[in-house]
PDB file of all heavy atoms in Angstrom:
ATOM      1  N   ASP A   1      -8.877  -9.554 -32.289  1.00  0.00           N
ATOM      2  CA  ASP A   1      -7.430  -9.407 -32.460  1.00  0.00           C
ATOM      3  C   ASP A   1      -6.928 -10.298 -33.579  1.00  0.00           C
ATOM      4  O   ASP A   1      -6.113  -9.874 -34.408  1.00  0.00           O
ATOM      5  CB  ASP A   1      -6.720  -9.731 -31.146  1.00  0.00           C
ATOM      6  CG  ASP A   1      -5.251  -9.357 -31.176  1.00  0.00           C
ATOM      7  OD1 ASP A   1      -4.954  -8.180 -31.446  1.00  0.00           O
ATOM      8  OD2 ASP A   1      -4.409 -10.238 -30.950  1.00  0.00           O
ATOM      9  N   ALA A   2      -7.429 -11.540 -33.637  1.00  0.00           N
ATOM     10  CA  ALA A   2      -7.016 -12.461 -34.700  1.00  0.00           C
ATOM     11  C   ALA A   2      -7.434 -11.939 -36.071  1.00  0.00           C
ATOM     12  O   ALA A   2      -6.688 -12.047 -37.047  1.00  0.00           O
ATOM     13  CB  ALA A   2      -7.607 -13.849 -34.441  1.00  0.00           C
ATOM     14  N   ALA A   3      -8.637 -11.352 -36.150  1.00  0.00           N
ATOM     15  CA  ALA A   3      -9.130 -10.837 -37.430  1.00  0.00           C
ATOM     16  C   ALA A   3      -8.345  -9.621 -37.906  1.00  0.00           C
ATOM     17  O   ALA A   3      -8.315  -9.332 -39.110  1.00  0.00           O
ATOM     18  CB  ALA A   3     -10.611 -10.478 -37.304  1.00  0.00           C
ATOM     19  N   LEU A   4      -7.710  -8.905 -36.980  1.00  0.00           N
ATOM     20  CA  LEU A   4      -7.019  -7.666 -37.330  1.00  0.00           C
ATOM     21  C   LEU A   4      -5.536  -7.859 -37.566  1.00  0.00           C
ATOM     22  O   LEU A   4      -4.829  -6.894 -37.884  1.00  0.00           O
ATOM     23  CB  LEU A   4      -7.232  -6.633 -36.216  1.00  0.00           C
ATOM     24  CG  LEU A   4      -8.663  -6.098 -36.130  1.00  0.00           C
ATOM     25  CD1 LEU A   4      -8.894  -5.380 -34.818  1.00  0.00           C
ATOM     26  CD2 LEU A   4      -8.961  -5.179 -37.295  1.00  0.00           C
ATOM     27  N   ARG A   5      -5.034  -9.043 -37.392  1.00  0.00           N
ATOM     28  CA  ARG A   5      -3.619  -9.272 -37.661  1.00  0.00           C
ATOM     29  C   ARG A   5      -3.314  -8.982 -39.117  1.00  0.00           C
ATOM     30  O   ARG A   5      -4.076  -9.334 -40.016  1.00  0.00           O
ATOM     31  CB  ARG A   5      -3.228 -10.705 -37.316  1.00  0.00           C
ATOM     32  CG  ARG A   5      -3.254 -11.004 -35.827  1.00  0.00           C
ATOM     33  CD  ARG A   5      -2.334 -10.102 -35.058  1.00  0.00           C
ATOM     34  NE  ARG A   5      -2.391 -10.325 -33.617  1.00  0.00           N
ATOM     35  CZ  ARG A   5      -1.853  -9.519 -32.729  1.00  0.00           C
ATOM     36  NH1 ARG A   5      -1.245  -8.411 -33.125  1.00  0.00           N
ATOM     37  NH2 ARG A   5      -1.946  -9.784 -31.444  1.00  0.00           N
ATOM     38  N   GLY A   6      -2.202  -8.333 -39.386  1.00  0.00           N
ATOM     39  CA  GLY A   6      -1.843  -7.977 -40.753  1.00  0.00           C
ATOM     40  C   GLY A   6      -2.038  -6.510 -41.047  1.00  0.00           C
ATOM     41  O   GLY A   6      -1.839  -6.065 -42.175  1.00  0.00           O
ATOM     42  N   ASN A   7      -2.470  -5.722 -40.032  1.00  0.00           N
ATOM     43  CA  ASN A   7      -2.588  -4.285 -40.232  1.00  0.00           C
ATOM     44  C   ASN A   7      -1.229  -3.613 -40.139  1.00  0.00           C
ATOM     45  O   ASN A   7      -0.380  -4.000 -39.338  1.00  0.00           O
ATOM     46  CB  ASN A   7      -3.495  -3.679 -39.146  1.00  0.00           C
ATOM     47  CG  ASN A   7      -4.963  -3.866 -39.461  1.00  0.00           C
ATOM     48  OD1 ASN A   7      -5.542  -3.075 -40.184  1.00  0.00           O
ATOM     49  ND2 ASN A   7      -5.541  -4.929 -38.944  1.00  0.00           N
ATOM     50  N   ASN A   8      -1.034  -2.594 -40.941  1.00  0.00           N
ATOM     51  CA  ASN A   8       0.110  -1.720 -40.731  1.00  0.00           C
ATOM     52  C   ASN A   8      -0.119  -0.949 -39.444  1.00  0.00           C
ATOM     53  O   ASN A   8      -1.214  -0.445 -39.195  1.00  0.00           O
ATOM     54  CB  ASN A   8       0.263  -0.740 -41.904  1.00  0.00           C
ATOM     55  CG  ASN A   8       0.647  -1.449 -43.186  1.00  0.00           C
ATOM     56  OD1 ASN A   8       1.360  -2.438 -43.148  1.00  0.00           O
ATOM     57  ND2 ASN A   8       0.149  -0.952 -44.307  1.00  0.00           N
ATOM     58  N   ASP A   9       0.922  -0.830 -38.618  1.00  0.00           N
ATOM     59  CA  ASP A   9       0.805  -0.098 -37.364  1.00  0.00           C
ATOM     60  C   ASP A   9      -0.383  -0.616 -36.561  1.00  0.00           C
ATOM     61  O   ASP A   9      -1.209   0.128 -36.056  1.00  0.00           O
ATOM     62  CB  ASP A   9       0.645   1.407 -37.619  1.00  0.00           C
ATOM     63  CG  ASP A   9       0.871   2.233 -36.346  1.00  0.00           C
ATOM     64  OD1 ASP A   9       1.516   1.728 -35.417  1.00  0.00           O
ATOM     65  OD2 ASP A   9       0.384   3.366 -36.312  1.00  0.00           O
ATOM     66  N   GLY A  10      -0.480  -1.945 -36.475  1.00  0.00           N
ATOM     67  CA  GLY A  10      -1.630  -2.560 -35.843  1.00  0.00           C
ATOM     68  C   GLY A  10      -1.684  -2.324 -34.349  1.00  0.00           C
ATOM     69  O   GLY A  10      -0.721  -1.912 -33.721  1.00  0.00           O
ATOM     70  N   ALA A  11      -2.855  -2.590 -33.765  1.00  0.00           N
ATOM     71  CA  ALA A  11      -3.071  -2.455 -32.329  1.00  0.00           C
ATOM     72  C   ALA A  11      -3.580  -3.781 -31.796  1.00  0.00           C
ATOM     73  O   ALA A  11      -4.275  -4.526 -32.495  1.00  0.00           O
ATOM     74  CB  ALA A  11      -4.075  -1.350 -32.041  1.00  0.00           C
ATOM     75  N   ASP A  12      -3.241  -4.071 -30.567  1.00  0.00           N
ATOM     76  CA  ASP A  12      -3.672  -5.289 -29.906  1.00  0.00           C
ATOM     77  C   ASP A  12      -5.114  -5.112 -29.424  1.00  0.00           C
ATOM     78  O   ASP A  12      -5.413  -4.203 -28.652  1.00  0.00           O
ATOM     79  CB  ASP A  12      -2.727  -5.568 -28.734  1.00  0.00           C
ATOM     80  CG  ASP A  12      -2.998  -6.899 -28.049  1.00  0.00           C
ATOM     81  OD1 ASP A  12      -4.015  -7.550 -28.375  1.00  0.00           O
ATOM     82  OD2 ASP A  12      -2.194  -7.285 -27.183  1.00  0.00           O
ATOM     83  N   TRP A  13      -6.017  -5.988 -29.877  1.00  0.00           N
ATOM     84  CA  TRP A  13      -7.413  -5.934 -29.453  1.00  0.00           C
ATOM     85  C   TRP A  13      -7.806  -7.158 -28.631  1.00  0.00           C
ATOM     86  O   TRP A  13      -8.994  -7.446 -28.463  1.00  0.00           O
ATOM     87  CB  TRP A  13      -8.330  -5.796 -30.662  1.00  0.00           C
ATOM     88  CG  TRP A  13      -8.359  -4.400 -31.191  1.00  0.00           C
ATOM     89  CD1 TRP A  13      -7.596  -3.868 -32.186  1.00  0.00           C
ATOM     90  CD2 TRP A  13      -9.188  -3.335 -30.721  1.00  0.00           C
ATOM     91  NE1 TRP A  13      -7.884  -2.548 -32.376  1.00  0.00           N
ATOM     92  CE2 TRP A  13      -8.858  -2.195 -31.491  1.00  0.00           C
ATOM     93  CE3 TRP A  13     -10.158  -3.227 -29.728  1.00  0.00           C
ATOM     94  CZ2 TRP A  13      -9.492  -0.957 -31.300  1.00  0.00           C
ATOM     95  CZ3 TRP A  13     -10.789  -2.002 -29.533  1.00  0.00           C
ATOM     96  CH2 TRP A  13     -10.453  -0.891 -30.314  1.00  0.00           C
ATOM     97  N   SER A  14      -6.824  -7.878 -28.126  1.00  0.00           N
ATOM     98  CA  SER A  14      -7.120  -9.064 -27.328  1.00  0.00           C
ATOM     99  C   SER A  14      -7.793  -8.670 -26.013  1.00  0.00           C
ATOM    100  O   SER A  14      -7.799  -7.500 -25.617  1.00  0.00           O
ATOM    101  CB  SER A  14      -5.831  -9.827 -27.031  1.00  0.00           C
ATOM    102  OG  SER A  14      -4.993  -9.068 -26.173  1.00  0.00           O
ATOM    103  N   TRP A  15      -8.343  -9.668 -25.334  1.00  0.00           N
ATOM    104  CA  TRP A  15      -8.959  -9.432 -24.028  1.00  0.00           C
ATOM    105  C   TRP A  15      -7.960  -8.800 -23.063  1.00  0.00           C
ATOM    106  O   TRP A  15      -8.304  -7.881 -22.311  1.00  0.00           O
ATOM    107  CB  TRP A  15      -9.492 -10.741 -23.477  1.00  0.00           C
ATOM    108  CG  TRP A  15     -10.018 -10.685 -22.070  1.00  0.00           C
ATOM    109  CD1 TRP A  15      -9.534 -11.317 -20.976  1.00  0.00           C
ATOM    110  CD2 TRP A  15     -11.165  -9.943 -21.617  1.00  0.00           C
ATOM    111  NE1 TRP A  15     -10.282 -11.026 -19.862  1.00  0.00           N
ATOM    112  CE2 TRP A  15     -11.293 -10.178 -20.230  1.00  0.00           C
ATOM    113  CE3 TRP A  15     -12.082  -9.093 -22.243  1.00  0.00           C
ATOM    114  CZ2 TRP A  15     -12.304  -9.610 -19.456  1.00  0.00           C
ATOM    115  CZ3 TRP A  15     -13.097  -8.527 -21.471  1.00  0.00           C
ATOM    116  CH2 TRP A  15     -13.194  -8.787 -20.102  1.00  0.00           C
ATOM    117  N   LYS A  16      -6.727  -9.267 -23.104  1.00  0.00           N
ATOM    118  CA  LYS A  16      -5.701  -8.719 -22.223  1.00  0.00           C
ATOM    119  C   LYS A  16      -5.482  -7.238 -22.488  1.00  0.00           C
ATOM    120  O   LYS A  16      -5.211  -6.455 -21.560  1.00  0.00           O
ATOM    121  CB  LYS A  16      -4.387  -9.484 -22.430  1.00  0.00           C
ATOM    122  CG  LYS A  16      -3.249  -9.022 -21.542  1.00  0.00           C
ATOM    123  CD  LYS A  16      -1.989  -9.842 -21.796  1.00  0.00           C
ATOM    124  CE  LYS A  16      -0.820  -9.351 -20.924  1.00  0.00           C
ATOM    125  NZ  LYS A  16       0.411 -10.139 -21.187  1.00  0.00           N
ATOM    126  N   ALA A  17      -5.646  -6.807 -23.747  1.00  0.00           N
ATOM    127  CA  ALA A  17      -5.423  -5.401 -24.107  1.00  0.00           C
ATOM    128  C   ALA A  17      -6.604  -4.510 -23.752  1.00  0.00           C
ATOM    129  O   ALA A  17      -6.421  -3.351 -23.379  1.00  0.00           O
ATOM    130  CB  ALA A  17      -5.116  -5.288 -25.596  1.00  0.00           C
ATOM    131  N   VAL A  18      -7.842  -5.022 -23.880  1.00  0.00           N
ATOM    132  CA  VAL A  18      -9.012  -4.159 -23.639  1.00  0.00           C
ATOM    133  C   VAL A  18      -9.431  -4.153 -22.172  1.00  0.00           C
ATOM    134  O   VAL A  18     -10.078  -3.197 -21.718  1.00  0.00           O
ATOM    135  CB  VAL A  18     -10.214  -4.565 -24.523  1.00  0.00           C
ATOM    136  CG1 VAL A  18      -9.834  -4.502 -25.999  1.00  0.00           C
ATOM    137  CG2 VAL A  18     -10.750  -5.945 -24.166  1.00  0.00           C
ATOM    138  N   LEU A  19      -9.078  -5.201 -21.412  1.00  0.00           N
ATOM    139  CA  LEU A  19      -9.509  -5.271 -20.020  1.00  0.00           C
ATOM    140  C   LEU A  19      -9.094  -4.047 -19.196  1.00  0.00           C
ATOM    141  O   LEU A  19      -9.899  -3.547 -18.385  1.00  0.00           O
ATOM    142  CB  LEU A  19      -8.986  -6.562 -19.377  1.00  0.00           C
ATOM    143  CG  LEU A  19      -9.357  -6.787 -17.911  1.00  0.00           C
ATOM    144  CD1 LEU A  19     -10.873  -6.778 -17.720  1.00  0.00           C
ATOM    145  CD2 LEU A  19      -8.757  -8.108 -17.404  1.00  0.00           C
ATOM    146  N   PRO A  20      -7.872  -3.504 -19.346  1.00  0.00           N
ATOM    147  CA  PRO A  20      -7.530  -2.307 -18.565  1.00  0.00           C
ATOM    148  C   PRO A  20      -8.454  -1.118 -18.829  1.00  0.00           C
ATOM    149  O   PRO A  20      -8.674  -0.295 -17.927  1.00  0.00           O
ATOM    150  CB  PRO A  20      -6.094  -2.000 -18.997  1.00  0.00           C
ATOM    151  CG  PRO A  20      -5.544  -3.324 -19.446  1.00  0.00           C
ATOM    152  CD  PRO A  20      -6.703  -4.017 -20.087  1.00  0.00           C
ATOM    153  N   HIS A  21      -8.993  -1.011 -20.037  1.00  0.00           N
ATOM    154  CA  HIS A  21      -9.936   0.076 -20.323  1.00  0.00           C
ATOM    155  C   HIS A  21     -11.224  -0.125 -19.540  1.00  0.00           C
ATOM    156  O   HIS A  21     -11.763   0.817 -18.948  1.00  0.00           O
ATOM    157  CB  HIS A  21     -10.219   0.153 -21.823  1.00  0.00           C
ATOM    158  CG  HIS A  21      -9.042   0.583 -22.642  1.00  0.00           C
ATOM    159  ND1 HIS A  21      -8.766   1.898 -22.909  1.00  0.00           N
ATOM    160  CD2 HIS A  21      -8.056  -0.143 -23.242  1.00  0.00           C
ATOM    161  CE1 HIS A  21      -7.671   1.984 -23.653  1.00  0.00           C
ATOM    162  NE2 HIS A  21      -7.227   0.755 -23.861  1.00  0.00           N
ATOM    163  N   PHE A  22     -11.753  -1.363 -19.545  1.00  0.00           N
ATOM    164  CA  PHE A  22     -12.957  -1.645 -18.773  1.00  0.00           C
ATOM    165  C   PHE A  22     -12.717  -1.384 -17.284  1.00  0.00           C
ATOM    166  O   PHE A  22     -13.508  -0.708 -16.623  1.00  0.00           O
ATOM    167  CB  PHE A  22     -13.385  -3.100 -18.972  1.00  0.00           C
ATOM    168  CG  PHE A  22     -14.020  -3.388 -20.304  1.00  0.00           C
ATOM    169  CD1 PHE A  22     -13.446  -4.289 -21.194  1.00  0.00           C
ATOM    170  CD2 PHE A  22     -15.207  -2.773 -20.674  1.00  0.00           C
ATOM    171  CE1 PHE A  22     -14.040  -4.573 -22.401  1.00  0.00           C
ATOM    172  CE2 PHE A  22     -15.813  -3.047 -21.891  1.00  0.00           C
ATOM    173  CZ  PHE A  22     -15.223  -3.954 -22.757  1.00  0.00           C
ATOM    174  N   ARG A  23     -11.632  -1.923 -16.754  1.00  0.00           N
ATOM    175  CA  ARG A  23     -11.364  -1.778 -15.325  1.00  0.00           C
ATOM    176  C   ARG A  23     -11.125  -0.314 -14.938  1.00  0.00           C
ATOM    177  O   ARG A  23     -11.552   0.143 -13.884  1.00  0.00           O
ATOM    178  CB  ARG A  23     -10.149  -2.618 -14.912  1.00  0.00           C
ATOM    179  CG  ARG A  23     -10.387  -4.115 -14.950  1.00  0.00           C
ATOM    180  CD  ARG A  23      -9.207  -4.892 -14.354  1.00  0.00           C
ATOM    181  NE  ARG A  23      -9.224  -4.814 -12.889  1.00  0.00           N
ATOM    182  CZ  ARG A  23      -8.352  -4.141 -12.156  1.00  0.00           C
ATOM    183  NH1 ARG A  23      -7.378  -3.446 -12.749  1.00  0.00           N
ATOM    184  NH2 ARG A  23      -8.425  -4.141 -10.835  1.00  0.00           N
ATOM    185  N   GLY A  24     -10.433   0.423 -15.812  1.00  0.00           N
ATOM    186  CA  GLY A  24     -10.110   1.809 -15.498  1.00  0.00           C
ATOM    187  C   GLY A  24     -11.322   2.714 -15.429  1.00  0.00           C
ATOM    188  O   GLY A  24     -11.327   3.702 -14.679  1.00  0.00           O
ATOM    189  N   MET A  25     -12.375   2.402 -16.195  1.00  0.00           N
ATOM    190  CA  MET A  25     -13.581   3.226 -16.196  1.00  0.00           C
ATOM    191  C   MET A  25     -14.550   2.853 -15.084  1.00  0.00           C
ATOM    192  O   MET A  25     -15.495   3.586 -14.812  1.00  0.00           O
ATOM    193  CB  MET A  25     -14.297   3.099 -17.542  1.00  0.00           C
ATOM    194  CG  MET A  25     -13.569   3.730 -18.716  1.00  0.00           C
ATOM    195  SD  MET A  25     -14.561   3.707 -20.232  1.00  0.00           S
ATOM    196  CE  MET A  25     -14.464   1.968 -20.675  1.00  0.00           C
ATOM    197  N   GLU A  26     -14.348   1.723 -14.430  1.00  0.00           N
ATOM    198  CA  GLU A  26     -15.352   1.106 -13.570  1.00  0.00           C
ATOM    199  C   GLU A  26     -15.184   1.499 -12.100  1.00  0.00           C
ATOM    200  O   GLU A  26     -14.084   1.493 -11.557  1.00  0.00           O
ATOM    201  CB  GLU A  26     -15.252  -0.415 -13.709  1.00  0.00           C
ATOM    202  CG  GLU A  26     -16.286  -1.200 -12.938  1.00  0.00           C
ATOM    203  CD  GLU A  26     -16.132  -2.703 -13.128  1.00  0.00           C
ATOM    204  OE1 GLU A  26     -15.242  -3.125 -13.903  1.00  0.00           O
ATOM    205  OE2 GLU A  26     -16.882  -3.440 -12.493  1.00  0.00           O
ATOM    206  N   ASP A  27     -16.308   1.806 -11.465  1.00  0.00           N
ATOM    207  CA  ASP A  27     -16.376   1.957 -10.013  1.00  0.00           C
ATOM    208  C   ASP A  27     -17.434   0.968  -9.521  1.00  0.00           C
ATOM    209  O   ASP A  27     -18.613   1.292  -9.421  1.00  0.00           O
ATOM    210  CB  ASP A  27     -16.743   3.390  -9.631  1.00  0.00           C
ATOM    211  CG  ASP A  27     -16.792   3.587  -8.121  1.00  0.00           C
ATOM    212  OD1 ASP A  27     -16.119   2.819  -7.406  1.00  0.00           O
ATOM    213  OD2 ASP A  27     -17.499   4.490  -7.657  1.00  0.00           O
ATOM    214  N   ASN A  28     -16.997  -0.257  -9.234  1.00  0.00           N
ATOM    215  CA  ASN A  28     -17.916  -1.330  -8.871  1.00  0.00           C
ATOM    216  C   ASN A  28     -18.210  -1.280  -7.379  1.00  0.00           C
ATOM    217  O   ASN A  28     -17.308  -1.077  -6.565  1.00  0.00           O
ATOM    218  CB  ASN A  28     -17.301  -2.680  -9.248  1.00  0.00           C
ATOM    219  CG  ASN A  28     -18.344  -3.774  -9.393  1.00  0.00           C
ATOM    220  OD1 ASN A  28     -18.987  -4.144  -8.421  1.00  0.00           O
ATOM    221  ND2 ASN A  28     -18.503  -4.276 -10.599  1.00  0.00           N
ATOM    222  N   ASN A  29     -19.472  -1.497  -7.019  1.00  0.00           N
ATOM    223  CA  ASN A  29     -19.843  -1.404  -5.603  1.00  0.00           C
ATOM    224  C   ASN A  29     -19.676  -2.724  -4.849  1.00  0.00           C
ATOM    225  O   ASN A  29     -19.912  -2.774  -3.645  1.00  0.00           O
ATOM    226  CB  ASN A  29     -21.273  -0.887  -5.440  1.00  0.00           C
ATOM    227  CG  ASN A  29     -22.333  -1.951  -5.708  1.00  0.00           C
ATOM    228  OD1 ASN A  29     -22.095  -2.936  -6.400  1.00  0.00           O
ATOM    229  ND2 ASN A  29     -23.526  -1.736  -5.164  1.00  0.00           N
ATOM    230  N   ARG A  30     -19.250  -3.799  -5.556  1.00  0.00           N
ATOM    231  CA  ARG A  30     -19.074  -5.095  -4.892  1.00  0.00           C
ATOM    232  C   ARG A  30     -17.752  -5.748  -5.222  1.00  0.00           C
ATOM    233  O   ARG A  30     -17.140  -6.404  -4.372  1.00  0.00           O
ATOM    234  CB  ARG A  30     -20.230  -6.044  -5.268  1.00  0.00           C
ATOM    235  CG  ARG A  30     -20.038  -7.486  -4.787  1.00  0.00           C
ATOM    236  CD  ARG A  30     -21.303  -8.307  -4.924  1.00  0.00           C
ATOM    237  NE  ARG A  30     -21.858  -8.320  -6.259  1.00  0.00           N
ATOM    238  CZ  ARG A  30     -21.636  -9.287  -7.169  1.00  0.00           C
ATOM    239  NH1 ARG A  30     -20.842 -10.302  -6.893  1.00  0.00           N
ATOM    240  NH2 ARG A  30     -22.210  -9.226  -8.355  1.00  0.00           N
ATOM    241  N   LEU A  31     -17.273  -5.581  -6.438  1.00  0.00           N
ATOM    242  CA  LEU A  31     -16.148  -6.379  -6.931  1.00  0.00           C
ATOM    243  C   LEU A  31     -14.906  -5.525  -7.135  1.00  0.00           C
ATOM    244  O   LEU A  31     -14.981  -4.408  -7.665  1.00  0.00           O
ATOM    245  CB  LEU A  31     -16.530  -7.053  -8.251  1.00  0.00           C
ATOM    246  CG  LEU A  31     -17.732  -8.003  -8.180  1.00  0.00           C
ATOM    247  CD1 LEU A  31     -18.227  -8.338  -9.578  1.00  0.00           C
ATOM    248  CD2 LEU A  31     -17.369  -9.270  -7.417  1.00  0.00           C
ATOM    249  N   LEU A  32     -13.768  -6.041  -6.732  1.00  0.00           N
ATOM    250  CA  LEU A  32     -12.464  -5.444  -7.025  1.00  0.00           C
ATOM    251  C   LEU A  32     -11.479  -6.598  -7.138  1.00  0.00           C
ATOM    252  O   LEU A  32     -11.073  -7.199  -6.141  1.00  0.00           O
ATOM    253  CB  LEU A  32     -12.029  -4.465  -5.942  1.00  0.00           C
ATOM    254  CG  LEU A  32     -10.651  -3.809  -6.146  1.00  0.00           C
ATOM    255  CD1 LEU A  32     -10.602  -3.041  -7.457  1.00  0.00           C
ATOM    256  CD2 LEU A  32     -10.302  -2.886  -4.986  1.00  0.00           C
ATOM    257  N   ASN A  33     -11.118  -6.946  -8.372  1.00  0.00           N
ATOM    258  CA  ASN A  33     -10.262  -8.103  -8.615  1.00  0.00           C
ATOM    259  C   ASN A  33      -9.635  -7.962  -9.996  1.00  0.00           C
ATOM    260  O   ASN A  33      -9.609  -6.874 -10.561  1.00  0.00           O
ATOM    261  CB  ASN A  33     -11.069  -9.408  -8.489  1.00  0.00           C
ATOM    262  CG  ASN A  33     -12.335  -9.403  -9.356  1.00  0.00           C
ATOM    263  OD1 ASN A  33     -12.343  -8.854 -10.459  1.00  0.00           O
ATOM    264  ND2 ASN A  33     -13.402  -9.998  -8.850  1.00  0.00           N
ATOM    265  N   ASP A  34      -9.143  -9.047 -10.548  1.00  0.00           N
ATOM    266  CA  ASP A  34      -8.494  -8.993 -11.857  1.00  0.00           C
ATOM    267  C   ASP A  34      -9.445  -8.561 -12.959  1.00  0.00           C
ATOM    268  O   ASP A  34      -9.010  -8.095 -14.018  1.00  0.00           O
ATOM    269  CB  ASP A  34      -7.898 -10.358 -12.208  1.00  0.00           C
ATOM    270  CG  ASP A  34      -6.703 -10.717 -11.341  1.00  0.00           C
ATOM    271  OD1 ASP A  34      -6.151  -9.802 -10.700  1.00  0.00           O
ATOM    272  OD2 ASP A  34      -6.333 -11.907 -11.303  1.00  0.00           O
ATOM    273  N   TYR A  35     -10.758  -8.710 -12.735  1.00  0.00           N
ATOM    274  CA  TYR A  35     -11.750  -8.404 -13.766  1.00  0.00           C
ATOM    275  C   TYR A  35     -12.427  -7.046 -13.550  1.00  0.00           C
ATOM    276  O   TYR A  35     -13.010  -6.499 -14.480  1.00  0.00           O
ATOM    277  CB  TYR A  35     -12.835  -9.493 -13.803  1.00  0.00           C
ATOM    278  CG  TYR A  35     -12.329 -10.836 -14.263  1.00  0.00           C
ATOM    279  CD1 TYR A  35     -11.836 -11.772 -13.350  1.00  0.00           C
ATOM    280  CD2 TYR A  35     -12.339 -11.186 -15.610  1.00  0.00           C
ATOM    281  CE1 TYR A  35     -11.368 -13.007 -13.769  1.00  0.00           C
ATOM    282  CE2 TYR A  35     -11.876 -12.421 -16.037  1.00  0.00           C
ATOM    283  CZ  TYR A  35     -11.382 -13.325 -15.111  1.00  0.00           C
ATOM    284  OH  TYR A  35     -10.919 -14.546 -15.527  1.00  0.00           O
ATOM    285  N   HIS A  36     -12.378  -6.514 -12.345  1.00  0.00           N
ATOM    286  CA  HIS A  36     -13.186  -5.342 -12.017  1.00  0.00           C
ATOM    287  C   HIS A  36     -12.364  -4.276 -11.316  1.00  0.00           C
ATOM    288  O   HIS A  36     -11.425  -4.575 -10.575  1.00  0.00           O
ATOM    289  CB  HIS A  36     -14.362  -5.745 -11.131  1.00  0.00           C
ATOM    290  CG  HIS A  36     -15.350  -6.628 -11.824  1.00  0.00           C
ATOM    291  ND1 HIS A  36     -16.292  -6.139 -12.693  1.00  0.00           N
ATOM    292  CD2 HIS A  36     -15.510  -7.974 -11.796  1.00  0.00           C
ATOM    293  CE1 HIS A  36     -17.005  -7.153 -13.173  1.00  0.00           C
ATOM    294  NE2 HIS A  36     -16.549  -8.268 -12.648  1.00  0.00           N
ATOM    295  N   GLY A  37     -12.777  -3.021 -11.536  1.00  0.00           N
ATOM    296  CA  GLY A  37     -12.081  -1.892 -10.954  1.00  0.00           C
ATOM    297  C   GLY A  37     -12.951  -1.111  -9.997  1.00  0.00           C
ATOM    298  O   GLY A  37     -14.177  -1.264  -9.944  1.00  0.00           O
TER     299      GLY A  37
END
């Protein structure tokens, strides 16, 4: 995210921004919390 600052029509690539994608795709057999879906 820091490396991409300065883009026109930029997108947030921080951990906070990508974590929902990881959690949304995940069906974990043990974990369900802020990190896992």
